[in-house]
Amino acid sequence: DSFTTSDSATKFALDGFFSSLRHELTMQRRNVSVTLCVLGLMDTDTALKNTRGKVHITASPAPEAALAIIHGASTRVQEVFYPWWLQQVCCLWVLFPSNRDQVLQ
């Protein structure tokens, strides 16, 4: 279930690990890129089943998300946000952390 504390902690740990790895590789001047992918709700059967009645946003097409991931990795960007508006949400959460709970509810 994607609404559990352990799931969130795992995603946070992966973000921390790969961001640190990217930094370490940069400091070592290695020609390796690390792309962090921030994905919203996808229209897979499992995701739709697990979020039914809990989430009130439109699911994005999973094949388009896959293409965004491939494009981001092949162009060596640091972060991919799909759908695009997730980047704005993440920026707003950084700027206005006290409103996070209201948005999530």
N, C-alpha and C. Protein backbone atom coordinates (compact mmCIF):
# COMPACT_ATOMS: atom_id res chain seq x y z
N ASP A 1 0.85 -1.18 0.00
CA ASP A 1 0.00 0.00 0.00
C ASP A 1 0.88 1.23 0.00
N SER A 2 0.61 2.17 -0.90
CA SER A 2 1.49 3.33 -1.03
C SER A 2 1.17 4.44 -0.04
N PHE A 3 0.39 4.16 0.98
CA PHE A 3 0.07 5.16 1.99
C PHE A 3 0.64 4.78 3.35
N THR A 4 1.64 3.92 3.36
CA THR A 4 2.20 3.46 4.62
C THR A 4 3.48 4.21 4.96
N THR A 5 3.77 4.25 6.23
CA THR A 5 4.98 4.92 6.69
C THR A 5 6.22 4.22 6.14
N SER A 6 6.21 2.91 6.11
CA SER A 6 7.39 2.18 5.63
C SER A 6 7.64 2.46 4.15
N ASP A 7 6.59 2.60 3.37
CA ASP A 7 6.75 2.91 1.95
C ASP A 7 7.37 4.29 1.78
N SER A 8 6.88 5.25 2.54
CA SER A 8 7.43 6.60 2.48
C SER A 8 8.89 6.63 2.93
N ALA A 9 9.19 5.91 4.00
CA ALA A 9 10.56 5.87 4.50
C ALA A 9 11.50 5.23 3.47
N THR A 10 11.04 4.20 2.80
CA THR A 10 11.84 3.55 1.77
C THR A 10 12.14 4.50 0.63
N LYS A 11 11.12 5.24 0.18
CA LYS A 11 11.33 6.19 -0.91
C LYS A 11 12.28 7.31 -0.49
N PHE A 12 12.16 7.78 0.73
CA PHE A 12 13.04 8.82 1.24
C PHE A 12 14.48 8.30 1.31
N ALA A 13 14.65 7.06 1.73
CA ALA A 13 15.98 6.46 1.81
C ALA A 13 16.60 6.33 0.42
N LEU A 14 15.80 5.92 -0.56
CA LEU A 14 16.31 5.81 -1.92
C LEU A 14 16.72 7.17 -2.47
N ASP A 15 15.92 8.18 -2.20
CA ASP A 15 16.25 9.54 -2.62
C ASP A 15 17.59 9.96 -1.99
N GLY A 16 17.73 9.76 -0.71
CA GLY A 16 18.97 10.12 -0.02
C GLY A 16 20.17 9.36 -0.54
N PHE A 17 20.01 8.06 -0.75
CA PHE A 17 21.12 7.24 -1.23
C PHE A 17 21.57 7.68 -2.62
N PHE A 18 20.61 7.81 -3.55
CA PHE A 18 20.99 8.12 -4.92
C PHE A 18 21.44 9.57 -5.09
N SER A 19 20.92 10.48 -4.28
CA SER A 19 21.41 11.86 -4.31
C SER A 19 22.85 11.91 -3.79
N SER A 20 23.13 11.15 -2.75
CA SER A 20 24.50 11.08 -2.22
C SER A 20 25.44 10.41 -3.21
N LEU A 21 24.96 9.36 -3.85
CA LEU A 21 25.77 8.68 -4.86
C LEU A 21 26.09 9.63 -6.01
N ARG A 22 25.11 10.39 -6.46
CA ARG A 22 25.34 11.36 -7.53
C ARG A 22 26.42 12.36 -7.12
N HIS A 23 26.33 12.85 -5.90
CA HIS A 23 27.32 13.81 -5.40
C HIS A 23 28.71 13.17 -5.34
N GLU A 24 28.78 11.97 -4.83
CA GLU A 24 30.07 11.28 -4.73
C GLU A 24 30.69 11.06 -6.11
N LEU A 25 29.88 10.63 -7.07
CA LEU A 25 30.39 10.40 -8.42
C LEU A 25 30.86 11.71 -9.06
N THR A 26 30.14 12.79 -8.80
CA THR A 26 30.54 14.10 -9.32
C THR A 26 31.87 14.53 -8.72
N MET A 27 32.02 14.36 -7.41
CA MET A 27 33.27 14.74 -6.75
C MET A 27 34.45 13.92 -7.26
N GLN A 28 34.19 12.68 -7.67
CA GLN A 28 35.25 11.81 -8.21
C GLN A 28 35.44 12.01 -9.72
N ARG A 29 34.66 12.94 -10.27
CA ARG A 29 34.72 13.23 -11.71
C ARG A 29 34.48 12.00 -12.56
N ARG A 30 33.55 11.17 -12.11
CA ARG A 30 33.16 9.97 -12.88
C ARG A 30 32.11 10.36 -13.91
N ASN A 31 32.17 9.75 -15.05
CA ASN A 31 31.23 10.05 -16.13
C ASN A 31 29.99 9.14 -16.01
N VAL A 32 29.32 9.26 -14.87
CA VAL A 32 28.12 8.46 -14.59
C VAL A 32 27.04 9.43 -14.12
N SER A 33 25.85 9.26 -14.64
CA SER A 33 24.76 10.13 -14.20
C SER A 33 23.76 9.33 -13.36
N VAL A 34 23.10 10.02 -12.46
CA VAL A 34 22.05 9.43 -11.62
C VAL A 34 20.81 10.30 -11.79
N THR A 35 19.73 9.70 -12.23
CA THR A 35 18.47 10.42 -12.44
C THR A 35 17.45 9.94 -11.43
N LEU A 36 16.94 10.87 -10.63
CA LEU A 36 15.89 10.57 -9.66
C LEU A 36 14.54 10.81 -10.34
N CYS A 37 13.66 9.85 -10.27
CA CYS A 37 12.34 9.96 -10.90
C CYS A 37 11.26 10.11 -9.84
N VAL A 38 10.50 11.20 -9.94
CA VAL A 38 9.39 11.48 -9.03
C VAL A 38 8.12 11.28 -9.84
N LEU A 39 7.39 10.22 -9.52
CA LEU A 39 6.23 9.85 -10.31
C LEU A 39 4.95 9.99 -9.51
N GLY A 40 3.92 10.43 -10.18
CA GLY A 40 2.60 10.52 -9.57
C GLY A 40 1.84 9.22 -9.76
N LEU A 41 0.55 9.29 -9.61
CA LEU A 41 -0.32 8.12 -9.76
C LEU A 41 -0.35 7.67 -11.21
N MET A 42 -0.01 6.41 -11.43
CA MET A 42 -0.04 5.83 -12.77
C MET A 42 -1.29 4.99 -12.95
N ASP A 43 -1.70 4.80 -14.18
CA ASP A 43 -2.94 4.08 -14.46
C ASP A 43 -2.77 2.56 -14.55
N THR A 44 -1.89 2.03 -13.70
CA THR A 44 -1.75 0.57 -13.66
C THR A 44 -2.89 -0.01 -12.82
N ASP A 45 -3.23 -1.26 -13.07
CA ASP A 45 -4.32 -1.90 -12.33
C ASP A 45 -4.07 -1.87 -10.83
N THR A 46 -2.85 -2.20 -10.42
CA THR A 46 -2.53 -2.25 -8.99
C THR A 46 -2.65 -0.87 -8.35
N ALA A 47 -2.09 0.14 -8.99
CA ALA A 47 -2.14 1.50 -8.43
C ALA A 47 -3.58 1.99 -8.32
N LEU A 48 -4.37 1.75 -9.34
CA LEU A 48 -5.77 2.19 -9.30
C LEU A 48 -6.56 1.45 -8.23
N LYS A 49 -6.29 0.17 -8.07
CA LYS A 49 -6.97 -0.62 -7.04
C LYS A 49 -6.60 -0.12 -5.63
N ASN A 50 -5.31 0.15 -5.42
CA ASN A 50 -4.83 0.56 -4.09
C ASN A 50 -5.24 1.98 -3.71
N THR A 51 -5.56 2.80 -4.69
CA THR A 51 -5.90 4.19 -4.39
C THR A 51 -7.39 4.50 -4.54
N ARG A 52 -8.17 3.52 -4.98
CA ARG A 52 -9.61 3.75 -5.19
C ARG A 52 -10.26 4.26 -3.90
N GLY A 53 -10.93 5.39 -3.99
CA GLY A 53 -11.61 5.98 -2.85
C GLY A 53 -10.72 6.77 -1.93
N LYS A 54 -9.41 6.77 -2.17
CA LYS A 54 -8.46 7.47 -1.32
C LYS A 54 -7.86 8.69 -2.01
N VAL A 55 -7.70 8.62 -3.32
CA VAL A 55 -7.04 9.67 -4.09
C VAL A 55 -8.01 10.18 -5.14
N HIS A 56 -8.08 11.49 -5.27
CA HIS A 56 -9.04 12.07 -6.19
C HIS A 56 -8.35 12.89 -7.28
N ILE A 57 -7.35 12.27 -7.91
CA ILE A 57 -6.69 12.88 -9.06
C ILE A 57 -6.73 11.88 -10.19
N THR A 58 -6.57 12.37 -11.39
CA THR A 58 -6.57 11.51 -12.56
C THR A 58 -5.22 10.81 -12.68
N ALA A 59 -5.27 9.51 -12.91
CA ALA A 59 -4.03 8.74 -13.08
C ALA A 59 -3.42 9.04 -14.44
N SER A 60 -2.11 9.07 -14.47
CA SER A 60 -1.37 9.33 -15.71
C SER A 60 -1.07 8.02 -16.42
N PRO A 61 -0.93 8.06 -17.74
CA PRO A 61 -0.63 6.84 -18.50
C PRO A 61 0.77 6.31 -18.18
N ALA A 62 0.84 5.07 -17.76
CA ALA A 62 2.13 4.46 -17.41
C ALA A 62 3.11 4.43 -18.58
N PRO A 63 2.67 4.15 -19.82
CA PRO A 63 3.64 4.16 -20.93
C PRO A 63 4.29 5.53 -21.14
N GLU A 64 3.54 6.61 -20.91
CA GLU A 64 4.13 7.94 -21.04
C GLU A 64 5.14 8.20 -19.93
N ALA A 65 4.87 7.69 -18.74
CA ALA A 65 5.82 7.82 -17.64
C ALA A 65 7.11 7.08 -17.98
N ALA A 66 6.98 5.90 -18.55
CA ALA A 66 8.17 5.13 -18.94
C ALA A 66 9.01 5.91 -19.95
N LEU A 67 8.35 6.54 -20.91
CA LEU A 67 9.08 7.34 -21.90
C LEU A 67 9.77 8.54 -21.24
N ALA A 68 9.11 9.17 -20.28
CA ALA A 68 9.71 10.30 -19.56
C ALA A 68 10.96 9.84 -18.80
N ILE A 69 10.89 8.67 -18.19
CA ILE A 69 12.04 8.12 -17.46
C ILE A 69 13.20 7.85 -18.42
N ILE A 70 12.91 7.22 -19.54
CA ILE A 70 13.95 6.91 -20.53
C ILE A 70 14.57 8.19 -21.06
N HIS A 71 13.73 9.17 -21.38
CA HIS A 71 14.24 10.44 -21.89
C HIS A 71 15.12 11.13 -20.85
N GLY A 72 14.66 11.16 -19.60
CA GLY A 72 15.44 11.80 -18.54
C GLY A 72 16.78 11.13 -18.32
N ALA A 73 16.79 9.81 -18.31
CA ALA A 73 18.05 9.09 -18.10
C ALA A 73 18.99 9.27 -19.29
N SER A 74 18.44 9.24 -20.50
CA SER A 74 19.30 9.36 -21.69
C SER A 74 19.86 10.77 -21.85
N THR A 75 19.16 11.77 -21.32
CA THR A 75 19.68 13.14 -21.39
C THR A 75 20.42 13.54 -20.12
N ARG A 76 20.52 12.58 -19.19
CA ARG A 76 21.32 12.74 -17.98
C ARG A 76 20.87 13.88 -17.08
N VAL A 77 19.55 14.09 -17.00
CA VAL A 77 19.05 15.11 -16.08
C VAL A 77 19.08 14.55 -14.66
N GLN A 78 19.14 15.43 -13.67
CA GLN A 78 19.20 14.97 -12.28
C GLN A 78 17.85 14.46 -11.79
N GLU A 79 16.76 15.09 -12.24
CA GLU A 79 15.44 14.69 -11.77
C GLU A 79 14.43 14.70 -12.91
N VAL A 80 13.53 13.73 -12.87
CA VAL A 80 12.40 13.65 -13.80
C VAL A 80 11.14 13.71 -12.95
N PHE A 81 10.23 14.59 -13.31
CA PHE A 81 8.94 14.68 -12.65
C PHE A 81 7.87 14.31 -13.67
N TYR A 82 7.05 13.32 -13.33
CA TYR A 82 5.95 12.94 -14.22
C TYR A 82 4.73 12.61 -13.38
N PRO A 83 3.61 13.27 -13.64
CA PRO A 83 3.41 14.32 -14.62
C PRO A 83 4.14 15.61 -14.24
N TRP A 84 4.23 16.51 -15.19
CA TRP A 84 5.05 17.73 -15.06
C TRP A 84 4.72 18.54 -13.83
N TRP A 85 3.45 18.59 -13.43
CA TRP A 85 3.04 19.47 -12.33
C TRP A 85 3.57 19.03 -10.97
N LEU A 86 4.07 17.81 -10.87
CA LEU A 86 4.64 17.36 -9.60
C LEU A 86 5.84 18.21 -9.18
N GLN A 87 6.56 18.73 -10.16
CA GLN A 87 7.71 19.58 -9.83
C GLN A 87 7.23 20.84 -9.11
N GLN A 88 6.13 21.43 -9.56
CA GLN A 88 5.59 22.62 -8.91
C GLN A 88 5.10 22.29 -7.51
N VAL A 89 4.47 21.14 -7.34
CA VAL A 89 3.99 20.73 -6.01
C VAL A 89 5.16 20.56 -5.06
N CYS A 90 6.22 19.92 -5.52
CA CYS A 90 7.41 19.73 -4.67
C CYS A 90 8.03 21.07 -4.28
N CYS A 91 8.08 22.01 -5.21
CA CYS A 91 8.63 23.34 -4.91
C CYS A 91 7.75 24.07 -3.89
N LEU A 92 6.44 23.97 -4.05
CA LEU A 92 5.53 24.62 -3.11
C LEU A 92 5.67 24.03 -1.71
N TRP A 93 5.87 22.71 -1.62
CA TRP A 93 6.03 22.06 -0.32
C TRP A 93 7.29 22.52 0.38
N VAL A 94 8.34 22.79 -0.41
CA VAL A 94 9.57 23.30 0.18
C VAL A 94 9.37 24.72 0.68
N LEU A 95 8.65 25.53 -0.10
CA LEU A 95 8.44 26.92 0.27
C LEU A 95 7.40 27.10 1.38
N PHE A 96 6.40 26.24 1.40
CA PHE A 96 5.30 26.36 2.37
C PHE A 96 5.06 25.03 3.09
N PRO A 97 5.99 24.58 3.91
CA PRO A 97 5.86 23.26 4.54
C PRO A 97 4.66 23.14 5.48
N SER A 98 4.17 24.23 6.03
CA SER A 98 3.05 24.14 6.97
C SER A 98 1.74 23.77 6.27
N ASN A 99 1.68 23.87 4.95
CA ASN A 99 0.45 23.56 4.22
C ASN A 99 0.42 22.12 3.69
N ARG A 100 1.46 21.35 3.92
CA ARG A 100 1.53 19.98 3.37
C ARG A 100 0.34 19.12 3.81
N ASP A 101 0.02 19.12 5.08
CA ASP A 101 -1.06 18.26 5.58
C ASP A 101 -2.38 18.62 4.93
N GLN A 102 -2.64 19.89 4.73
CA GLN A 102 -3.90 20.31 4.09
C GLN A 102 -3.98 19.78 2.67
N VAL A 103 -2.89 19.88 1.94
CA VAL A 103 -2.87 19.41 0.55
C VAL A 103 -3.05 17.89 0.50
N LEU A 104 -2.34 17.18 1.38
CA LEU A 104 -2.42 15.72 1.37
C LEU A 104 -3.81 15.21 1.73
N GLN A 105 -4.49 15.92 2.62
CA GLN A 105 -5.82 15.48 3.03
C GLN A 105 -6.83 15.82 1.95
